[in-house]
Amino acid sequence: MPIPDDVTGEEIDKDVKQELQSLPKGLAEDVSRNLVMVARLIDEDPEGAYGYSRVALRLASRVAAVREAAGFAAYASQKYSEALAEFRAARRMTGNVDLWPVMADCERGLGRPEKALDMAGAPEVQKLDKAGQVEMRLVAAGARRDMDQLDAAIVTLQSPELASNSVQPWTARLRYAYADALLAAGREGEAREWFAKAVESDKDGSTDASDRLAELDGVEFVDALVEDDGDSDHDSESDSDRDVEVVNSEAPEAKSVPETEPEPTEDSVDDDGLDDVDDVDDMDGDEGDLKS
C-alpha cells in the first residue's frame, strides 16, 4: 500500500520504536511507517488503517506492538473476532492487562455479553489503572444493556468516578453513558441533567452530548443556506448571517441550550439517583459492578 513521502516512521511512539529495534533497520523502518499510517487513518478511515495494519503484521507478526495495532484496526473496522485474536496474542507476548476492557468489548461485538460480564468480574480488573477500570465499567454497563437489563446498567455506572466533581479524561464518556442509559429507561429529566454535565466536561468534543441535549430541549439546527424558492429576500443576506439557523420545534421563538450546568456536588448527585454510589464499587454476578 502506498505511503506518503512525508511519513518517515520517526513519528512512532518511542516505546513502539524500542520494540522495533529487534528488527533489521530497513524492516523496522517499513513497519514503523505502516504503523504511522494506521494511527493516522484509524478514526477517519478504519478500513484503510486495517489495510496498513495487515502489511505491518505480515512484516513483523512477532512484535507485540504490531499485534496490538492490528487488533485496534480490526476493532475499529468491527472485525471483532480478528481483533480479539490479535489482542490475545499481544497480551500473551507482554503479560500486560491493559487490553482487558477492549477484549471484553470484542466479546460484546461478537454477541456474547455474558462473557463480557464474566471478564468484568475477573481478577485482571484489579490490576487495571483507574482509566482501565472506568473503561471496564462502561463495557459492563453496555453488556447489561445488550441483555435488556437497563436498571442494572444504570447501577453499574453509578460510581465514585461518576459522582466526582473532578474532570478526568473519562468523565465525559462516563456521564454520557449514564445519561443515555437513563434516557433508555424513560427517565428523561435525569437524562437531560446528565447530558448537560457531559457537555460541561466534554472539552474536546469526544461525544455528541450537546446534540443529544439540544434534541431533548426541542432545538433543531437547520442549514439556512438551502435555497428557498418562495422567498428571494434571503438573497441579500450575507453568508455570515445565513450559516446556521436555530429553530425551536416546540415554540415560535428559538430556544438556546444552556452553555453550562453547575458542577455536581455530593448532594446534587444524590438527587440524581446516586444515593448509594459508595455501595457499587464491586462488580459481581448480581449487580454487574466493577470495583474501582
Protein backbone atom coordinates (compact mmCIF):
# COMPACT_ATOMS: atom_id res chain seq x y z
CA MET A 1 0.00 0.00 0.00
CA PRO A 2 1.33 3.48 -0.86
CA ILE A 3 2.71 5.60 1.97
CA PRO A 4 3.16 9.40 1.60
CA ASP A 5 6.75 10.59 1.39
CA ASP A 6 6.32 12.76 4.49
CA VAL A 7 5.82 9.64 6.64
CA THR A 8 9.29 8.65 7.84
CA GLY A 9 8.45 6.28 10.69
CA GLU A 10 10.11 8.59 13.19
CA GLU A 11 6.64 9.76 14.21
CA ILE A 12 6.05 6.48 16.01
CA ASP A 13 5.78 6.30 19.79
CA LYS A 14 9.16 5.83 21.45
CA ASP A 15 8.06 2.65 23.25
CA VAL A 16 6.96 1.10 19.95
CA LYS A 17 10.18 2.25 18.32
CA GLN A 18 12.12 0.47 21.04
CA GLU A 19 10.20 -2.76 20.36
CA LEU A 20 11.03 -2.49 16.68
CA GLN A 21 14.77 -2.34 17.41
CA SER A 22 14.75 -6.14 17.44
CA LEU A 23 14.20 -5.99 13.66
CA PRO A 24 16.74 -5.20 10.93
CA LYS A 25 16.92 -1.45 10.37
CA GLY A 26 15.26 -1.38 6.95
CA LEU A 27 12.47 -3.69 8.07
CA ALA A 28 11.90 -1.69 11.25
CA GLU A 29 11.50 1.46 9.16
CA ASP A 30 8.95 -0.20 6.87
CA VAL A 31 6.95 -1.48 9.82
CA SER A 32 7.03 1.86 11.64
CA ARG A 33 5.82 3.73 8.54
CA ASN A 34 2.87 1.37 8.22
CA LEU A 35 2.07 1.78 11.90
CA VAL A 36 2.11 5.57 11.48
CA MET A 37 -0.47 5.18 8.71
CA VAL A 38 -2.62 3.03 11.00
CA ALA A 39 -2.59 5.76 13.62
CA ARG A 40 -3.37 8.46 11.05
CA LEU A 41 -6.33 6.69 9.49
CA ILE A 42 -7.95 4.69 12.28
CA ASP A 43 -10.55 7.33 13.19
CA GLU A 44 -11.45 8.67 9.75
CA ASP A 45 -10.77 5.62 7.56
CA PRO A 46 -10.83 2.41 9.63
CA GLU A 47 -10.69 0.16 6.57
CA GLY A 48 -7.63 2.00 5.30
CA ALA A 49 -5.98 1.68 8.71
CA TYR A 50 -6.83 -2.02 8.69
CA GLY A 51 -5.07 -2.44 5.36
CA TYR A 52 -1.85 -0.88 6.63
CA SER A 53 -2.05 -2.93 9.82
CA ARG A 54 -2.14 -6.12 7.77
CA VAL A 55 1.04 -5.07 5.95
CA ALA A 56 2.78 -4.40 9.28
CA LEU A 57 1.52 -7.73 10.58
CA ARG A 58 2.98 -9.62 7.61
CA LEU A 59 6.32 -7.92 8.19
CA ALA A 60 6.59 -8.29 11.96
CA SER A 61 3.98 -10.58 13.49
CA ARG A 62 6.20 -11.36 16.47
CA VAL A 63 6.24 -7.77 17.72
CA ALA A 64 3.60 -7.14 20.38
CA ALA A 65 3.04 -3.52 19.36
CA VAL A 66 2.26 -4.67 15.82
CA ARG A 67 -0.27 -7.24 17.05
CA GLU A 68 -1.87 -4.59 19.25
CA ALA A 69 -2.10 -2.10 16.37
CA ALA A 70 -3.61 -4.79 14.16
CA GLY A 71 -6.12 -5.51 16.90
CA PHE A 72 -7.23 -1.90 17.17
CA ALA A 73 -7.51 -1.53 13.40
CA ALA A 74 -9.68 -4.66 13.22
CA TYR A 75 -11.72 -3.43 16.18
CA ALA A 76 -12.33 -0.06 14.51
CA SER A 77 -13.47 -1.94 11.40
CA GLN A 78 -15.85 -4.05 13.52
CA LYS A 79 -13.91 -7.24 12.78
CA TYR A 80 -14.29 -8.32 16.37
CA SER A 81 -13.17 -11.94 16.10
CA GLU A 82 -9.95 -10.91 14.40
CA ALA A 83 -9.42 -8.05 16.86
CA LEU A 84 -9.86 -10.37 19.82
CA ALA A 85 -7.31 -12.81 18.42
CA GLU A 86 -4.74 -10.04 17.95
CA PHE A 87 -5.34 -8.60 21.43
CA ARG A 88 -4.93 -12.05 22.97
CA ALA A 89 -1.67 -12.53 21.07
CA ALA A 90 -0.35 -9.15 22.25
CA ARG A 91 -1.31 -9.96 25.83
CA ARG A 92 0.47 -13.32 25.69
CA MET A 93 3.61 -11.59 24.48
CA THR A 94 3.65 -8.87 27.13
CA GLY A 95 1.63 -10.21 30.06
CA ASN A 96 0.00 -6.78 30.21
CA VAL A 97 -3.67 -6.48 31.25
CA ASP A 98 -4.30 -3.06 29.68
CA LEU A 99 -6.20 -4.62 26.77
CA TRP A 100 -8.65 -6.45 29.04
CA PRO A 101 -11.56 -3.95 28.64
CA VAL A 102 -11.34 -3.80 24.85
CA MET A 103 -11.11 -7.59 24.74
CA ALA A 104 -14.33 -7.72 26.75
CA ASP A 105 -15.93 -5.27 24.35
CA CYS A 106 -14.97 -7.55 21.47
CA GLU A 107 -16.98 -10.26 23.21
CA ARG A 108 -19.94 -7.87 23.17
CA GLY A 109 -19.37 -7.25 19.47
CA LEU A 110 -19.47 -11.00 18.90
CA GLY A 111 -22.86 -11.20 20.62
CA ARG A 112 -21.52 -12.64 23.88
CA PRO A 113 -22.41 -10.05 26.58
CA GLU A 114 -22.40 -12.73 29.28
CA LYS A 115 -18.73 -13.38 28.54
CA ALA A 116 -18.02 -9.64 28.79
CA LEU A 117 -19.64 -9.61 32.22
CA ASP A 118 -17.56 -12.59 33.31
CA MET A 119 -14.46 -10.65 32.30
CA ALA A 120 -15.69 -7.63 34.26
CA GLY A 121 -15.57 -9.74 37.42
CA ALA A 122 -12.20 -11.35 36.70
CA PRO A 123 -9.08 -10.77 38.84
CA GLU A 124 -7.40 -8.98 35.92
CA VAL A 125 -9.67 -5.98 36.53
CA GLN A 126 -7.97 -5.30 39.85
CA LYS A 127 -4.66 -4.87 38.01
CA LEU A 128 -6.02 -2.11 35.74
CA ASP A 129 -5.29 1.53 36.40
CA LYS A 130 -8.17 3.93 37.12
CA ALA A 131 -8.79 4.68 33.44
CA GLY A 132 -8.89 0.96 32.67
CA GLN A 133 -11.33 0.28 35.48
CA VAL A 134 -13.65 3.03 34.27
CA GLU A 135 -13.44 1.60 30.75
CA MET A 136 -14.31 -1.83 32.12
CA ARG A 137 -17.32 -0.34 33.91
CA LEU A 138 -18.51 1.19 30.63
CA VAL A 139 -18.15 -2.15 28.86
CA ALA A 140 -20.02 -3.97 31.64
CA ALA A 141 -22.86 -1.43 31.50
CA GLY A 142 -23.03 -1.89 27.74
CA ALA A 143 -23.25 -5.66 28.22
CA ARG A 144 -26.14 -5.18 30.63
CA ARG A 145 -27.92 -3.07 28.02
CA ASP A 146 -27.25 -5.74 25.39
CA MET A 147 -29.18 -8.08 27.68
CA ASP A 148 -32.03 -5.54 28.14
CA GLN A 149 -31.08 -5.06 31.79
CA LEU A 150 -31.43 -1.27 31.85
CA ASP A 151 -31.71 -0.87 35.61
CA ALA A 152 -28.60 -2.99 36.12
CA ALA A 153 -26.76 -0.91 33.51
CA ILE A 154 -27.65 2.28 35.39
CA VAL A 155 -26.46 0.83 38.70
CA THR A 156 -23.24 -0.37 37.08
CA LEU A 157 -22.40 3.18 36.00
CA GLN A 158 -23.11 4.66 39.43
CA SER A 159 -19.67 5.04 40.94
CA PRO A 160 -17.36 7.46 42.76
CA GLU A 161 -15.91 8.43 39.37
CA LEU A 162 -19.37 9.45 38.13
CA ALA A 163 -20.15 11.36 41.32
CA SER A 164 -16.81 13.19 41.41
CA ASN A 165 -16.60 16.91 40.63
CA SER A 166 -13.13 16.34 39.17
CA VAL A 167 -12.98 16.24 35.36
CA GLN A 168 -10.81 13.40 34.11
CA PRO A 169 -10.22 12.07 30.57
CA TRP A 170 -13.01 9.55 31.07
CA THR A 171 -15.54 11.89 32.73
CA ALA A 172 -17.46 12.98 29.61
CA ARG A 173 -17.89 9.44 28.32
CA LEU A 174 -18.97 8.14 31.71
CA ARG A 175 -21.55 10.89 32.17
CA TYR A 176 -22.75 10.42 28.60
CA ALA A 177 -23.22 6.67 29.06
CA TYR A 178 -25.14 7.28 32.28
CA ALA A 179 -27.39 9.87 30.62
CA ASP A 180 -28.04 7.56 27.68
CA ALA A 181 -28.96 4.68 29.98
CA LEU A 182 -31.32 6.92 31.96
CA LEU A 183 -32.99 8.06 28.74
CA ALA A 184 -33.39 4.46 27.55
CA ALA A 185 -35.09 3.70 30.87
CA GLY A 186 -37.57 6.56 30.34
CA ARG A 187 -36.04 8.86 32.96
CA GLU A 188 -35.86 11.86 30.65
CA GLY A 189 -35.48 14.59 33.29
CA GLU A 190 -32.49 12.92 34.89
CA ALA A 191 -31.06 12.10 31.47
CA ARG A 192 -31.17 15.78 30.47
CA GLU A 193 -29.25 16.77 33.60
CA TRP A 194 -26.51 14.24 32.90
CA PHE A 195 -26.24 15.09 29.22
CA ALA A 196 -25.71 18.70 30.34
CA LYS A 197 -22.99 17.53 32.74
CA ALA A 198 -21.41 15.56 29.93
CA VAL A 199 -21.37 18.68 27.74
CA GLU A 200 -19.70 20.59 30.55
CA SER A 201 -16.87 18.06 30.84
CA ASP A 202 -16.50 17.28 27.11
CA LYS A 203 -13.89 19.89 26.22
CA ASP A 204 -12.63 18.11 23.10
CA GLY A 205 -15.99 17.07 21.66
CA SER A 206 -15.45 13.34 22.13
CA THR A 207 -19.21 12.76 22.46
CA ASP A 208 -22.32 14.17 20.80
CA ALA A 209 -23.74 15.17 24.17
CA SER A 210 -24.52 18.72 23.01
CA ASP A 211 -26.63 17.36 20.14
CA ARG A 212 -28.47 14.98 22.44
CA LEU A 213 -29.14 17.81 24.88
CA ALA A 214 -30.47 20.03 22.10
CA GLU A 215 -32.71 17.21 20.93
CA LEU A 216 -34.18 16.81 24.41
CA ASP A 217 -34.78 20.56 24.57
CA GLY A 218 -36.60 20.52 21.25
CA VAL A 219 -33.95 22.55 19.44
CA GLU A 220 -33.34 21.75 15.78
CA PHE A 221 -30.39 23.03 13.77
CA VAL A 222 -31.31 23.85 10.17
CA ASP A 223 -28.96 24.75 7.33
CA ALA A 224 -30.21 28.16 6.26
CA LEU A 225 -28.10 28.10 3.08
CA VAL A 226 -30.64 25.79 1.45
CA GLU A 227 -32.36 27.89 -1.20
CA ASP A 228 -35.93 28.89 -0.57
CA ASP A 229 -37.62 29.31 -3.97
CA GLY A 230 -40.52 31.17 -2.43
CA ASP A 231 -38.51 33.85 -0.67
CA SER A 232 -35.97 35.86 -2.67
CA ASP A 233 -35.38 38.32 0.17
CA HIS A 234 -32.78 35.96 1.64
CA ASP A 235 -30.59 36.54 -1.40
CA SER A 236 -29.48 39.89 0.03
CA GLU A 237 -28.29 38.38 3.29
CA SER A 238 -24.58 37.88 3.83
CA ASP A 239 -23.19 34.36 4.16
CA SER A 240 -22.19 35.02 7.75
CA ASP A 241 -25.79 35.88 8.60
CA ARG A 242 -27.15 32.73 6.98
CA ASP A 243 -24.72 30.00 8.04
CA VAL A 244 -26.92 28.31 10.61
CA GLU A 245 -30.43 28.99 11.81
CA VAL A 246 -31.62 27.62 15.14
CA VAL A 247 -35.28 26.64 15.21
CA ASN A 248 -37.28 25.58 18.22
CA SER A 249 -39.63 22.82 17.14
CA GLU A 250 -41.91 23.43 20.09
CA ALA A 251 -42.23 27.22 20.14
CA PRO A 252 -42.24 30.10 17.65
CA GLU A 253 -39.02 31.56 19.03
CA ALA A 254 -35.64 29.91 19.11
CA LYS A 255 -34.62 28.40 22.40
CA SER A 256 -30.91 28.28 23.16
CA VAL A 257 -29.23 25.47 25.01
CA PRO A 258 -27.70 26.37 28.38
CA GLU A 259 -23.97 26.59 27.89
CA THR A 260 -23.03 25.06 31.19
CA GLU A 261 -24.51 23.29 34.15
CA PRO A 262 -23.25 23.79 37.72
CA GLU A 263 -20.58 21.37 38.83
CA PRO A 264 -22.28 18.43 40.56
CA THR A 265 -21.95 18.40 44.32
CA GLU A 266 -22.31 15.36 46.52
CA ASP A 267 -25.88 16.45 47.40
CA SER A 268 -26.85 17.11 43.81
CA VAL A 269 -25.52 13.72 42.74
CA ASP A 270 -27.67 12.01 45.35
CA ASP A 271 -30.68 13.81 43.94
CA ASP A 272 -29.87 12.40 40.52
CA GLY A 273 -30.14 8.83 41.65
CA LEU A 274 -26.67 8.12 43.03
CA ASP A 275 -27.75 7.71 46.66
CA ASP A 276 -25.51 4.75 47.22
CA VAL A 277 -22.58 5.14 44.86
CA ASP A 278 -20.18 4.02 47.54
CA ASP A 279 -22.03 0.70 47.62
CA VAL A 280 -21.45 -0.12 43.97
CA ASP A 281 -17.69 -0.42 43.98
CA ASP A 282 -17.71 -4.18 43.40
CA MET A 283 -18.75 -5.91 40.20
CA ASP A 284 -20.39 -9.25 40.85
CA GLY A 285 -22.72 -11.53 39.04
CA ASP A 286 -25.83 -9.96 40.55
CA GLU A 287 -25.20 -6.26 40.12
CA GLY A 288 -22.65 -6.08 37.33
CA ASP A 289 -20.49 -3.53 39.18
CA LEU A 290 -16.76 -3.17 38.74
CA LYS A 291 -14.53 -2.43 41.66
CA SER A 292 -12.93 0.97 41.05
